[in-house]
C-alpha atoms as a PDB file:
ATOM      1  CA  MET A   1       3.234 131.933   2.935  1.00  0.00           C
ATOM      2  CA  VAL A   2      -0.091 131.739   4.897  1.00  0.00           C
ATOM      3  CA  LYS A   3      -1.400 133.596   1.985  1.00  0.00           C
ATOM      4  CA  THR A   4       0.312 131.066  -0.849  1.00  0.00           C
ATOM      5  CA  TYR A   5      -1.438 128.355   0.802  1.00  0.00           C
ATOM      6  CA  ILE A   6      -4.925 129.522   1.226  1.00  0.00           C
ATOM      7  CA  GLN A   7      -4.910 130.482  -2.650  1.00  0.00           C
ATOM      8  CA  VAL A   8      -3.758 127.223  -3.732  1.00  0.00           C
ATOM      9  CA  VAL A   9      -6.230 125.191  -1.286  1.00  0.00           C
ATOM     10  CA  GLY A  10      -8.845 127.755  -2.728  1.00  0.00           C
ATOM     11  CA  ASN A  11      -7.462 126.656  -6.230  1.00  0.00           C
ATOM     12  CA  LEU A  12      -8.163 123.282  -5.651  1.00  0.00           C
ATOM     13  CA  SER A  13     -11.088 123.051  -3.645  1.00  0.00           C
ATOM     14  CA  ARG A  14     -12.587 125.720  -7.321  1.00  0.00           C
ATOM     15  CA  ALA A  15     -10.703 122.682  -9.330  1.00  0.00           C
ATOM     16  CA  LEU A  16     -12.357 119.888  -7.292  1.00  0.00           C
ATOM     17  CA  ALA A  17     -15.809 121.854  -7.674  1.00  0.00           C
ATOM     18  CA  VAL A  18     -15.355 121.553 -11.394  1.00  0.00           C
ATOM     19  CA  LEU A  19     -15.104 118.322 -11.450  1.00  0.00           C
ATOM     20  CA  SER A  20     -17.931 117.719  -9.192  1.00  0.00           C
ATOM     21  CA  THR A  21     -19.892 120.169 -11.301  1.00  0.00           C
ATOM     22  CA  ALA A  22     -19.025 117.513 -14.212  1.00  0.00           C
ATOM     23  CA  MET A  23     -19.937 114.405 -12.123  1.00  0.00           C
ATOM     24  CA  VAL A  24     -23.514 115.826 -11.687  1.00  0.00           C
ATOM     25  CA  ILE A  25     -23.911 116.766 -15.467  1.00  0.00           C
ATOM     26  CA  ALA A  26     -22.615 113.144 -16.327  1.00  0.00           C
ATOM     27  CA  ALA A  27     -24.935 111.301 -13.886  1.00  0.00           C
ATOM     28  CA  MET A  28     -27.999 114.063 -15.103  1.00  0.00           C
ATOM     29  CA  LEU A  29     -26.928 112.752 -18.966  1.00  0.00           C
ATOM     30  CA  VAL A  30     -27.176 109.146 -17.703  1.00  0.00           C
ATOM     31  CA  VAL A  31     -30.256 109.145 -16.141  1.00  0.00           C
ATOM     32  CA  CYS A  32     -31.608 110.608 -19.509  1.00  0.00           C
ATOM     33  CA  GLN A  33     -29.966 108.036 -20.822  1.00  0.00           C
ATOM     34  CA  MET A  34     -31.630 105.220 -18.438  1.00  0.00           C
ATOM     35  CA  ILE A  35     -35.000 106.616 -18.841  1.00  0.00           C
ATOM     36  CA  LEU A  36     -34.973 106.362 -23.195  1.00  0.00           C
ATOM     37  CA  THR A  37     -33.337 103.090 -22.600  1.00  0.00           C
ATOM     38  CA  ARG A  38     -35.592 101.499 -20.235  1.00  0.00           C
ATOM     39  CA  TYR A  39     -39.220 103.122 -21.270  1.00  0.00           C
ATOM     40  CA  VAL A  40     -38.885 104.323 -24.689  1.00  0.00           C
ATOM     41  CA  PHE A  41     -36.397 101.150 -26.182  1.00  0.00           C
ATOM     42  CA  ARG A  42     -37.452  98.763 -23.454  1.00  0.00           C
ATOM     43  CA  GLN A  43     -34.197  97.123 -22.605  1.00  0.00           C
ATOM     44  CA  PRO A  44     -32.571  96.557 -19.528  1.00  0.00           C
ATOM     45  CA  THR A  45     -30.022  98.773 -17.552  1.00  0.00           C
ATOM     46  CA  ILE A  46     -27.175  97.323 -15.624  1.00  0.00           C
ATOM     47  CA  TRP A  47     -24.592 100.006 -15.172  1.00  0.00           C
ATOM     48  CA  GLN A  48     -27.073 102.922 -15.013  1.00  0.00           C
ATOM     49  CA  THR A  49     -27.981 103.133 -11.321  1.00  0.00           C
ATOM     50  CA  ASP A  50     -24.723 102.522 -10.069  1.00  0.00           C
ATOM     51  CA  PHE A  51     -22.476 105.175 -11.877  1.00  0.00           C
ATOM     52  CA  VAL A  52     -25.264 107.438 -11.121  1.00  0.00           C
ATOM     53  CA  VAL A  53     -25.355 106.896  -7.489  1.00  0.00           C
ATOM     54  CA  PHE A  54     -21.630 106.809  -7.179  1.00  0.00           C
ATOM     55  CA  SER A  55     -20.969 109.935  -9.339  1.00  0.00           C
ATOM     56  CA  ALA A  56     -23.557 112.236  -7.071  1.00  0.00           C
ATOM     57  CA  THR A  57     -21.778 110.898  -4.115  1.00  0.00           C
ATOM     58  CA  ALA A  58     -18.723 111.709  -4.992  1.00  0.00           C
ATOM     59  CA  ALA A  59     -19.770 114.808  -6.688  1.00  0.00           C
ATOM     60  CA  MET A  60     -21.044 115.636  -2.840  1.00  0.00           C
ATOM     61  CA  PHE A  61     -17.982 115.056  -1.284  1.00  0.00           C
ATOM     62  CA  LEU A  62     -15.526 116.624  -3.542  1.00  0.00           C
ATOM     63  CA  GLY A  63     -17.797 119.729  -4.200  1.00  0.00           C
ATOM     64  CA  ALA A  64     -17.912 120.510   0.011  1.00  0.00           C
ATOM     65  CA  PRO A  65     -14.299 121.936   0.005  1.00  0.00           C
ATOM     66  CA  TYR A  66     -16.073 124.839  -2.005  1.00  0.00           C
ATOM     67  CA  VAL A  67     -18.909 125.134  -0.630  1.00  0.00           C
ATOM     68  CA  LEU A  68     -17.134 125.988   2.749  1.00  0.00           C
ATOM     69  CA  MET A  69     -14.469 128.087   1.166  1.00  0.00           C
ATOM     70  CA  LYS A  70     -17.601 130.351   0.035  1.00  0.00           C
ATOM     71  CA  GLY A  71     -19.258 129.842   3.005  1.00  0.00           C
ATOM     72  CA  GLY A  72     -22.482 128.204   0.885  1.00  0.00           C
ATOM     73  CA  HIS A  73     -23.231 125.954   4.124  1.00  0.00           C
ATOM     74  CA  VAL A  74     -26.417 125.615   5.882  1.00  0.00           C
ATOM     75  CA  GLY A  75     -26.591 127.129   9.160  1.00  0.00           C
ATOM     76  CA  VAL A  76     -28.998 128.052  11.691  1.00  0.00           C
ATOM     77  CA  ASP A  77     -27.337 131.445  13.262  1.00  0.00           C
ATOM     78  CA  VAL A  78     -29.991 132.379  16.208  1.00  0.00           C
ATOM     79  CA  ILE A  79     -27.533 132.200  19.025  1.00  0.00           C
ATOM     80  CA  GLU A  80     -24.852 133.770  17.177  1.00  0.00           C
ATOM     81  CA  MET A  81     -26.620 136.720  16.191  1.00  0.00           C
ATOM     82  CA  LEU A  82     -27.258 137.448  19.957  1.00  0.00           C
ATOM     83  CA  LEU A  83     -23.861 137.454  20.568  1.00  0.00           C
ATOM     84  CA  GLY A  84     -21.275 140.815  20.339  1.00  0.00           C
ATOM     85  CA  ASP A  85     -18.877 140.946  17.371  1.00  0.00           C
ATOM     86  CA  ARG A  86     -16.063 139.457  19.617  1.00  0.00           C
ATOM     87  CA  ALA A  87     -17.909 136.266  20.609  1.00  0.00           C
ATOM     88  CA  ARG A  88     -19.304 135.527  17.101  1.00  0.00           C
ATOM     89  CA  ALA A  89     -15.640 135.404  15.931  1.00  0.00           C
ATOM     90  CA  LYS A  90     -14.582 132.895  18.738  1.00  0.00           C
ATOM     91  CA  LEU A  91     -17.899 130.874  18.094  1.00  0.00           C
ATOM     92  CA  LYS A  92     -16.878 130.855  14.341  1.00  0.00           C
ATOM     93  CA  LEU A  93     -13.080 130.082  15.240  1.00  0.00           C
ATOM     94  CA  ILE A  94     -14.325 127.279  17.501  1.00  0.00           C
ATOM     95  CA  GLY A  95     -16.867 126.348  15.135  1.00  0.00           C
ATOM     96  CA  SER A  96     -14.302 125.643  12.408  1.00  0.00           C
ATOM     97  CA  PHE A  97     -11.685 123.764  14.839  1.00  0.00           C
ATOM     98  CA  LEU A  98     -14.461 121.330  15.921  1.00  0.00           C
ATOM     99  CA  GLY A  99     -15.365 120.928  11.861  1.00  0.00           C
ATOM    100  CA  LEU A 100     -11.455 120.443  11.217  1.00  0.00           C
ATOM    101  CA  LEU A 101     -11.240 118.020  14.048  1.00  0.00           C
ATOM    102  CA  PHE A 102     -14.353 115.781  12.948  1.00  0.00           C
ATOM    103  CA  CYS A 103     -13.583 115.933   9.088  1.00  0.00           C
ATOM    104  CA  PHE A 104      -9.785 114.775  10.372  1.00  0.00           C
ATOM    105  CA  PHE A 105     -11.546 111.760  11.937  1.00  0.00           C
ATOM    106  CA  MET A 106     -13.741 111.249   8.923  1.00  0.00           C
ATOM    107  CA  LEU A 107     -10.277 111.204   6.890  1.00  0.00           C
ATOM    108  CA  ILE A 108      -8.980 108.311   8.904  1.00  0.00           C
ATOM    109  CA  ALA A 109     -11.899 106.370   8.685  1.00  0.00           C
ATOM    110  CA  THR A 110     -12.724 106.386   5.129  1.00  0.00           C
ATOM    111  CA  TRP A 111      -9.213 106.012   4.387  1.00  0.00           C
ATOM    112  CA  ILE A 112      -9.417 102.975   6.057  1.00  0.00           C
ATOM    113  CA  GLN A 113     -12.432 102.015   4.202  1.00  0.00           C
ATOM    114  CA  PHE A 114     -10.858 102.601   0.657  1.00  0.00           C
ATOM    115  CA  HIS A 115      -7.682 101.160   1.202  1.00  0.00           C
ATOM    116  CA  GLU A 116      -9.557  97.604   2.572  1.00  0.00           C
ATOM    117  CA  ALA A 117     -11.594  97.790  -0.570  1.00  0.00           C
ATOM    118  CA  TRP A 118      -8.326  98.621  -2.613  1.00  0.00           C
ATOM    119  CA  LEU A 119      -6.317  95.523  -1.048  1.00  0.00           C
ATOM    120  CA  GLY A 120      -9.196  93.563  -1.085  1.00  0.00           C
ATOM    121  CA  ASN A 121     -10.440  94.346  -4.517  1.00  0.00           C
ATOM    122  CA  TRP A 122     -14.011  94.414  -3.383  1.00  0.00           C
ATOM    123  CA  LYS A 123     -16.932  94.635  -5.888  1.00  0.00           C
ATOM    124  CA  HIS A 124     -19.830  96.414  -5.644  1.00  0.00           C
ATOM    125  CA  SER A 125     -23.036  93.543  -5.518  1.00  0.00           C
ATOM    126  CA  SER A 126     -24.584  94.970  -8.526  1.00  0.00           C
ATOM    127  CA  VAL A 127     -24.292  92.741 -12.003  1.00  0.00           C
ATOM    128  CA  TRP A 128     -22.009  95.764 -13.078  1.00  0.00           C
ATOM    129  CA  ALA A 129     -19.784  94.696 -10.756  1.00  0.00           C
ATOM    130  CA  PRO A 130     -17.514  97.396 -10.096  1.00  0.00           C
ATOM    131  CA  PRO A 131     -14.512  98.064  -8.488  1.00  0.00           C
ATOM    132  CA  LEU A 132     -15.572  99.609  -5.004  1.00  0.00           C
ATOM    133  CA  TRP A 133     -12.507 102.010  -4.229  1.00  0.00           C
ATOM    134  CA  ILE A 134     -13.004 103.570  -7.300  1.00  0.00           C
ATOM    135  CA  PRO A 135     -16.336 105.410  -5.546  1.00  0.00           C
ATOM    136  CA  LEU A 136     -15.017 105.313  -1.995  1.00  0.00           C
ATOM    137  CA  LEU A 137     -12.027 107.010  -3.214  1.00  0.00           C
ATOM    138  CA  ALA A 138     -14.014 110.112  -3.586  1.00  0.00           C
ATOM    139  CA  LEU A 139     -14.410 110.042   0.114  1.00  0.00           C
ATOM    140  CA  PRO A 140     -10.930 110.487   1.517  1.00  0.00           C
ATOM    141  CA  VAL A 141      -9.958 113.077  -1.250  1.00  0.00           C
ATOM    142  CA  GLY A 142     -12.909 115.237   0.108  1.00  0.00           C
ATOM    143  CA  PHE A 143     -12.423 115.091   3.603  1.00  0.00           C
ATOM    144  CA  GLY A 144      -8.650 115.881   3.167  1.00  0.00           C
ATOM    145  CA  MET A 145      -9.702 118.801   1.461  1.00  0.00           C
ATOM    146  CA  LEU A 146     -11.798 119.768   3.834  1.00  0.00           C
ATOM    147  CA  CYS A 147      -9.557 119.530   6.160  1.00  0.00           C
ATOM    148  CA  LEU A 148      -7.329 121.615   4.291  1.00  0.00           C
ATOM    149  CA  GLN A 149      -9.855 124.195   3.192  1.00  0.00           C
ATOM    150  CA  TYR A 150     -10.473 124.430   7.487  1.00  0.00           C
ATOM    151  CA  VAL A 151      -7.094 125.447   8.047  1.00  0.00           C
ATOM    152  CA  ALA A 152      -7.260 127.805   5.430  1.00  0.00           C
ATOM    153  CA  GLN A 153     -10.566 129.179   7.331  1.00  0.00           C
ATOM    154  CA  ILE A 154      -8.999 129.672  10.423  1.00  0.00           C
ATOM    155  CA  LEU A 155      -6.428 131.211   9.146  1.00  0.00           C
ATOM    156  CA  VAL A 156      -8.649 133.642   8.043  1.00  0.00           C
ATOM    157  CA  LEU A 157     -10.428 134.409  10.647  1.00  0.00           C
ATOM    158  CA  LEU A 158      -7.109 134.276  12.495  1.00  0.00           C
ATOM    159  CA  SER A 159      -5.385 136.954  10.363  1.00  0.00           C
ATOM    160  CA  GLY A 160      -8.834 139.191  10.471  1.00  0.00           C
ATOM    161  CA  ASP A 161      -8.233 140.241   7.043  1.00  0.00           C
ATOM    162  CA  ALA A 162     -10.773 137.868   4.286  1.00  0.00           C
ATOM    163  CA  GLN A 163     -10.625 140.418   2.331  1.00  0.00           C
ATOM    164  CA  GLN A 164      -6.698 139.950   1.386  1.00  0.00           C
ATOM    165  CA  VAL A 165      -7.149 136.675   0.375  1.00  0.00           C
ATOM    166  CA  GLN A 166      -8.149 137.135  -3.257  1.00  0.00           C
ATOM    167  CA  GLY A 167     -11.180 135.006  -4.501  1.00  0.00           C
ATOM    168  CA  HIS A 168     -11.586 133.694  -0.895  1.00  0.00           C
ATOM    169  CA  ALA A 169     -15.299 134.732   0.460  1.00  0.00           C
ATOM    170  CA  PRO A 170     -15.536 136.433   3.515  1.00  0.00           C
ATOM    171  CA  LEU A 171     -15.725 134.380   6.146  1.00  0.00           C
ATOM    172  CA  THR A 172     -16.857 137.024   9.177  1.00  0.00           C
ATOM    173  CA  PRO A 173     -18.687 139.796   6.595  1.00  0.00           C
ATOM    174  CA  GLU A 174     -20.470 141.473   9.607  1.00  0.00           C
ATOM    175  CA  LEU A 175     -17.441 141.597  11.745  1.00  0.00           C
ATOM    176  CA  PRO A 176     -14.614 144.295  12.027  1.00  0.00           C
ATOM    177  CA  THR A 177     -11.231 143.631  10.801  1.00  0.00           C
ATOM    178  CA  GLY A 178      -8.781 141.995  13.258  1.00  0.00           C
ATOM    179  CA  VAL A 179     -11.670 141.139  15.700  1.00  0.00           C
ATOM    180  CA  LEU A 180      -9.690 138.312  17.126  1.00  0.00           C
ATOM    181  CA  GLU A 181      -6.307 140.027  16.902  1.00  0.00           C
ATOM    182  CA  ASN A 182      -5.454 141.502  20.127  1.00  0.00           C
ATOM    183  CA  ASP A 183      -5.011 145.901  19.747  1.00  0.00           C
ATOM    184  CA  SER A 184      -1.227 145.573  21.371  1.00  0.00           C
ATOM    185  CA  HIS A 185      -0.295 142.360  18.727  1.00  0.00           C
ATOM    186  CA  SER A 186      -1.372 142.479  15.444  1.00  0.00           C
ATOM    187  CA  MET A 187      -1.056 139.630  13.404  1.00  0.00           C
ATOM    188  CA  LYS A 188      -1.860 141.206   9.804  1.00  0.00           C
ATOM    189  CA  GLY A 189       1.461 141.523   9.098  1.00  0.00           C
ATOM    190  CA  SER A 190       1.631 137.830   9.045  1.00  0.00           C
ATOM    191  CA  ILE A 191       0.068 137.111   6.107  1.00  0.00           C
ATOM    192  CA  ARG A 192       2.331 137.130   2.905  1.00  0.00           C
END
């Protein structure tokens, strides 16, 4: 059951990463179109800047769960490297719980903002004036998936066996398997 959860969340994170990549490509193409329209044809641009900003921002939030899953975040690990294996594993677990807590509160805050934009039919202040609920939707979706991905990461850390979950990057590659487990009570049998 746990292994299935981790794989389903991983697949959702991969799907959002593909969508995020498509949004970045679309934003780049629109920037090229905007430059061509503005500087070659000497015509005004109306919607392009908003589209690029909204697409790039949405791509960042929607791609974040995949980055977390692959361990691709930027971090400073000077203190972590000074610690022993068990302390390092516990620090990663505490960091994952704190990340989950932060993302949960951000999910609530961004959902409230999205919901108010939806109900109030908020529009952007530009000439194009798109409904703001469309770009704001990426925030609760991204933070919701980050919450699910943090839960998956915590489960992988608690199991001590990231290799057992196909496609999930080892979150603790330098640590021996089962560092967080008691020798008398193994949790390896709990991932199925």
